[in-house]
Amino acid sequence: MPDTKPDDASAIDMIWELADKLDPCLLVTRDGDWQRVRPVFARARRDEGRIYILTDTSGEKHEQIVRFPQVSLAFADPQANDY
C-alpha cells in the first residue's frame, strides 16, 4: 500500500490554508488536569508565523493560557473533508 501521508512542507502548507479559510475554530486550553474546548475566531498570519485569536483578558481562557501557554487550535471543514 502506498504511503499517502503528506511530506512536512505539504502538511505545513495545508495547515496554513485551513487556518486562513476556516472560522470559527476550536481552542483547546488546559485548566489543571482538565482540557477546555471552546469556539474562537482566528486570524492566520503566515508571514509572521502566527495565528491570532481575540479574547477577553478578564476571562478564564486568558488565565488558562497564561498558566499553561501550550494550546491547540482545531480547524475543520467537514463538507470538504478537510481537518
N, C-alpha and C. Protein backbone atom coordinates (compact mmCIF):
# COMPACT_ATOMS: atom_id res chain seq x y z
N MET A 1 0.84 -1.17 0.00
CA MET A 1 0.00 0.00 0.00
C MET A 1 0.90 1.24 0.00
N PRO A 2 0.65 2.21 -0.90
CA PRO A 2 1.49 3.40 -0.96
C PRO A 2 1.25 4.31 0.25
N ASP A 3 2.30 5.02 0.62
CA ASP A 3 2.20 5.97 1.72
C ASP A 3 1.55 7.25 1.22
N THR A 4 0.38 7.61 1.78
CA THR A 4 -0.32 8.81 1.34
C THR A 4 -0.14 9.97 2.31
N LYS A 5 0.71 9.80 3.28
CA LYS A 5 0.98 10.85 4.26
C LYS A 5 1.72 12.00 3.57
N PRO A 6 1.25 13.25 3.75
CA PRO A 6 1.96 14.36 3.10
C PRO A 6 3.33 14.58 3.72
N ASP A 7 4.26 15.10 2.91
CA ASP A 7 5.55 15.45 3.48
C ASP A 7 5.38 16.66 4.39
N ASP A 8 6.40 16.99 5.16
CA ASP A 8 6.30 18.08 6.13
C ASP A 8 5.90 19.40 5.49
N ALA A 9 6.50 19.74 4.36
CA ALA A 9 6.20 21.02 3.72
C ALA A 9 4.75 21.07 3.26
N SER A 10 4.25 19.97 2.69
CA SER A 10 2.86 19.92 2.25
C SER A 10 1.90 20.01 3.43
N ALA A 11 2.23 19.34 4.51
CA ALA A 11 1.39 19.37 5.71
C ALA A 11 1.34 20.78 6.29
N ILE A 12 2.48 21.45 6.33
CA ILE A 12 2.52 22.82 6.84
C ILE A 12 1.71 23.75 5.96
N ASP A 13 1.83 23.61 4.64
CA ASP A 13 1.02 24.42 3.71
C ASP A 13 -0.46 24.19 3.95
N MET A 14 -0.85 22.93 4.12
CA MET A 14 -2.26 22.60 4.32
C MET A 14 -2.78 23.23 5.62
N ILE A 15 -1.98 23.20 6.68
CA ILE A 15 -2.40 23.80 7.95
C ILE A 15 -2.64 25.30 7.78
N TRP A 16 -1.72 25.99 7.12
CA TRP A 16 -1.89 27.43 6.92
C TRP A 16 -3.12 27.72 6.07
N GLU A 17 -3.36 26.93 5.03
CA GLU A 17 -4.54 27.13 4.18
C GLU A 17 -5.82 26.95 4.97
N LEU A 18 -5.89 25.89 5.78
CA LEU A 18 -7.07 25.66 6.61
C LEU A 18 -7.27 26.79 7.61
N ALA A 19 -6.20 27.21 8.26
CA ALA A 19 -6.29 28.28 9.25
C ALA A 19 -6.76 29.58 8.61
N ASP A 20 -6.38 29.79 7.36
CA ASP A 20 -6.75 31.03 6.67
C ASP A 20 -8.22 31.04 6.24
N LYS A 21 -8.78 29.87 5.91
CA LYS A 21 -10.13 29.86 5.34
C LYS A 21 -11.23 29.47 6.32
N LEU A 22 -10.90 28.87 7.45
CA LEU A 22 -11.95 28.32 8.32
C LEU A 22 -12.13 29.14 9.60
N ASP A 23 -13.35 29.52 9.86
CA ASP A 23 -13.74 30.19 11.10
C ASP A 23 -15.15 29.73 11.44
N PRO A 24 -15.48 29.52 12.65
CA PRO A 24 -14.58 29.53 13.79
C PRO A 24 -13.77 28.24 13.85
N CYS A 25 -12.80 28.22 14.76
CA CYS A 25 -12.05 27.00 15.04
C CYS A 25 -12.23 26.71 16.53
N LEU A 26 -11.66 25.61 16.98
CA LEU A 26 -11.75 25.26 18.39
C LEU A 26 -10.42 25.50 19.08
N LEU A 27 -10.47 26.20 20.20
CA LEU A 27 -9.30 26.46 21.02
C LEU A 27 -9.31 25.49 22.19
N VAL A 28 -8.21 24.77 22.36
CA VAL A 28 -8.07 23.82 23.47
C VAL A 28 -7.04 24.38 24.44
N THR A 29 -7.48 24.58 25.69
CA THR A 29 -6.59 25.06 26.75
C THR A 29 -6.58 24.04 27.88
N ARG A 30 -5.64 24.21 28.79
CA ARG A 30 -5.58 23.36 29.99
C ARG A 30 -6.06 24.14 31.19
N ASP A 31 -6.76 23.45 32.05
CA ASP A 31 -7.22 24.01 33.32
C ASP A 31 -6.85 22.99 34.39
N GLY A 32 -5.58 23.01 34.81
CA GLY A 32 -5.10 21.99 35.73
C GLY A 32 -4.99 20.67 34.99
N ASP A 33 -5.68 19.64 35.48
CA ASP A 33 -5.66 18.32 34.85
C ASP A 33 -6.70 18.19 33.73
N TRP A 34 -7.51 19.21 33.52
CA TRP A 34 -8.59 19.15 32.55
C TRP A 34 -8.27 19.98 31.32
N GLN A 35 -8.85 19.58 30.19
CA GLN A 35 -8.78 20.38 28.98
C GLN A 35 -10.11 21.09 28.80
N ARG A 36 -10.06 22.30 28.28
CA ARG A 36 -11.26 23.07 27.98
C ARG A 36 -11.24 23.39 26.49
N VAL A 37 -12.39 23.23 25.86
CA VAL A 37 -12.51 23.47 24.42
C VAL A 37 -13.64 24.47 24.20
N ARG A 38 -13.36 25.47 23.37
CA ARG A 38 -14.40 26.42 23.03
C ARG A 38 -14.13 27.01 21.65
N PRO A 39 -15.19 27.48 20.97
CA PRO A 39 -15.00 28.08 19.65
C PRO A 39 -14.41 29.48 19.78
N VAL A 40 -13.53 29.81 18.85
CA VAL A 40 -12.94 31.15 18.76
C VAL A 40 -12.77 31.50 17.28
N PHE A 41 -12.62 32.78 17.01
CA PHE A 41 -12.30 33.23 15.67
C PHE A 41 -10.80 33.51 15.62
N ALA A 42 -10.14 32.98 14.61
CA ALA A 42 -8.69 33.09 14.50
C ALA A 42 -8.33 33.82 13.21
N ARG A 43 -7.22 34.51 13.25
CA ARG A 43 -6.68 35.17 12.06
C ARG A 43 -5.27 34.66 11.83
N ALA A 44 -5.08 33.97 10.71
CA ALA A 44 -3.77 33.40 10.38
C ALA A 44 -2.92 34.45 9.68
N ARG A 45 -1.70 34.58 10.13
CA ARG A 45 -0.72 35.49 9.53
C ARG A 45 0.55 34.68 9.26
N ARG A 46 0.54 34.00 8.12
CA ARG A 46 1.65 33.10 7.80
C ARG A 46 2.99 33.83 7.73
N ASP A 47 2.98 35.04 7.17
CA ASP A 47 4.24 35.79 7.05
C ASP A 47 4.84 36.11 8.42
N GLU A 48 4.03 36.11 9.48
CA GLU A 48 4.51 36.32 10.84
C GLU A 48 4.72 35.00 11.59
N GLY A 49 4.22 33.91 11.01
CA GLY A 49 4.29 32.62 11.69
C GLY A 49 3.39 32.57 12.91
N ARG A 50 2.25 33.29 12.84
CA ARG A 50 1.36 33.38 14.00
C ARG A 50 -0.10 33.22 13.59
N ILE A 51 -0.87 32.75 14.55
CA ILE A 51 -2.32 32.72 14.43
C ILE A 51 -2.84 33.48 15.64
N TYR A 52 -3.61 34.52 15.38
CA TYR A 52 -4.13 35.37 16.45
C TYR A 52 -5.57 35.01 16.77
N ILE A 53 -5.91 35.09 18.05
CA ILE A 53 -7.30 34.98 18.48
C ILE A 53 -7.59 36.21 19.33
N LEU A 54 -8.83 36.66 19.28
CA LEU A 54 -9.25 37.78 20.09
C LEU A 54 -10.06 37.24 21.26
N THR A 55 -9.64 37.58 22.47
CA THR A 55 -10.34 37.09 23.65
C THR A 55 -10.28 38.12 24.76
N ASP A 56 -11.20 38.04 25.67
CA ASP A 56 -11.27 38.94 26.81
C ASP A 56 -10.16 38.58 27.80
N THR A 57 -9.37 39.56 28.21
CA THR A 57 -8.27 39.27 29.13
C THR A 57 -8.74 39.05 30.56
N SER A 58 -10.01 39.27 30.83
CA SER A 58 -10.51 39.01 32.19
C SER A 58 -11.21 37.66 32.29
N GLY A 59 -11.20 36.88 31.22
CA GLY A 59 -11.90 35.61 31.22
C GLY A 59 -11.03 34.42 31.58
N GLU A 60 -11.68 33.26 31.69
CA GLU A 60 -10.97 32.02 32.04
C GLU A 60 -9.95 31.62 30.98
N LYS A 61 -10.27 31.84 29.70
CA LYS A 61 -9.32 31.48 28.63
C LYS A 61 -7.98 32.14 28.87
N HIS A 62 -8.02 33.43 29.13
CA HIS A 62 -6.78 34.17 29.33
C HIS A 62 -5.99 33.61 30.51
N GLU A 63 -6.66 33.35 31.61
CA GLU A 63 -6.00 32.80 32.80
C GLU A 63 -5.36 31.44 32.49
N GLN A 64 -6.09 30.60 31.75
CA GLN A 64 -5.58 29.28 31.40
C GLN A 64 -4.37 29.38 30.47
N ILE A 65 -4.42 30.30 29.52
CA ILE A 65 -3.30 30.47 28.58
C ILE A 65 -2.07 31.00 29.30
N VAL A 66 -2.26 31.92 30.23
CA VAL A 66 -1.12 32.44 31.00
C VAL A 66 -0.50 31.33 31.83
N ARG A 67 -1.33 30.52 32.46
CA ARG A 67 -0.82 29.46 33.34
C ARG A 67 -0.22 28.30 32.55
N PHE A 68 -0.87 27.91 31.45
CA PHE A 68 -0.42 26.80 30.60
C PHE A 68 -0.39 27.31 29.15
N PRO A 69 0.71 27.93 28.70
CA PRO A 69 0.73 28.59 27.40
C PRO A 69 0.70 27.67 26.17
N GLN A 70 0.83 26.38 26.34
CA GLN A 70 0.72 25.48 25.18
C GLN A 70 -0.75 25.19 24.93
N VAL A 71 -1.25 25.65 23.78
CA VAL A 71 -2.65 25.47 23.41
C VAL A 71 -2.72 24.80 22.05
N SER A 72 -3.92 24.37 21.68
CA SER A 72 -4.15 23.79 20.36
C SER A 72 -5.32 24.49 19.71
N LEU A 73 -5.26 24.60 18.39
CA LEU A 73 -6.38 25.08 17.60
C LEU A 73 -6.78 23.96 16.65
N ALA A 74 -8.07 23.68 16.58
CA ALA A 74 -8.57 22.63 15.69
C ALA A 74 -9.43 23.27 14.61
N PHE A 75 -9.06 23.05 13.35
CA PHE A 75 -9.78 23.58 12.21
C PHE A 75 -10.45 22.42 11.48
N ALA A 76 -11.71 22.62 11.06
CA ALA A 76 -12.41 21.54 10.38
C ALA A 76 -13.36 22.09 9.33
N ASP A 77 -13.36 21.45 8.17
CA ASP A 77 -14.33 21.71 7.10
C ASP A 77 -14.88 20.36 6.68
N PRO A 78 -15.91 19.86 7.42
CA PRO A 78 -16.42 18.51 7.14
C PRO A 78 -16.95 18.34 5.72
N GLN A 79 -17.52 19.40 5.13
CA GLN A 79 -18.05 19.28 3.77
C GLN A 79 -16.95 18.99 2.76
N ALA A 80 -15.76 19.53 2.99
CA ALA A 80 -14.63 19.28 2.10
C ALA A 80 -13.75 18.15 2.61
N ASN A 81 -14.11 17.58 3.77
CA ASN A 81 -13.32 16.53 4.41
C ASN A 81 -11.90 17.01 4.71
N ASP A 82 -11.80 18.27 5.13
CA ASP A 82 -10.51 18.87 5.50
C ASP A 82 -10.45 19.04 7.00
N TYR A 83 -9.39 18.50 7.62
CA TYR A 83 -9.23 18.60 9.07
C TYR A 83 -7.78 18.88 9.39
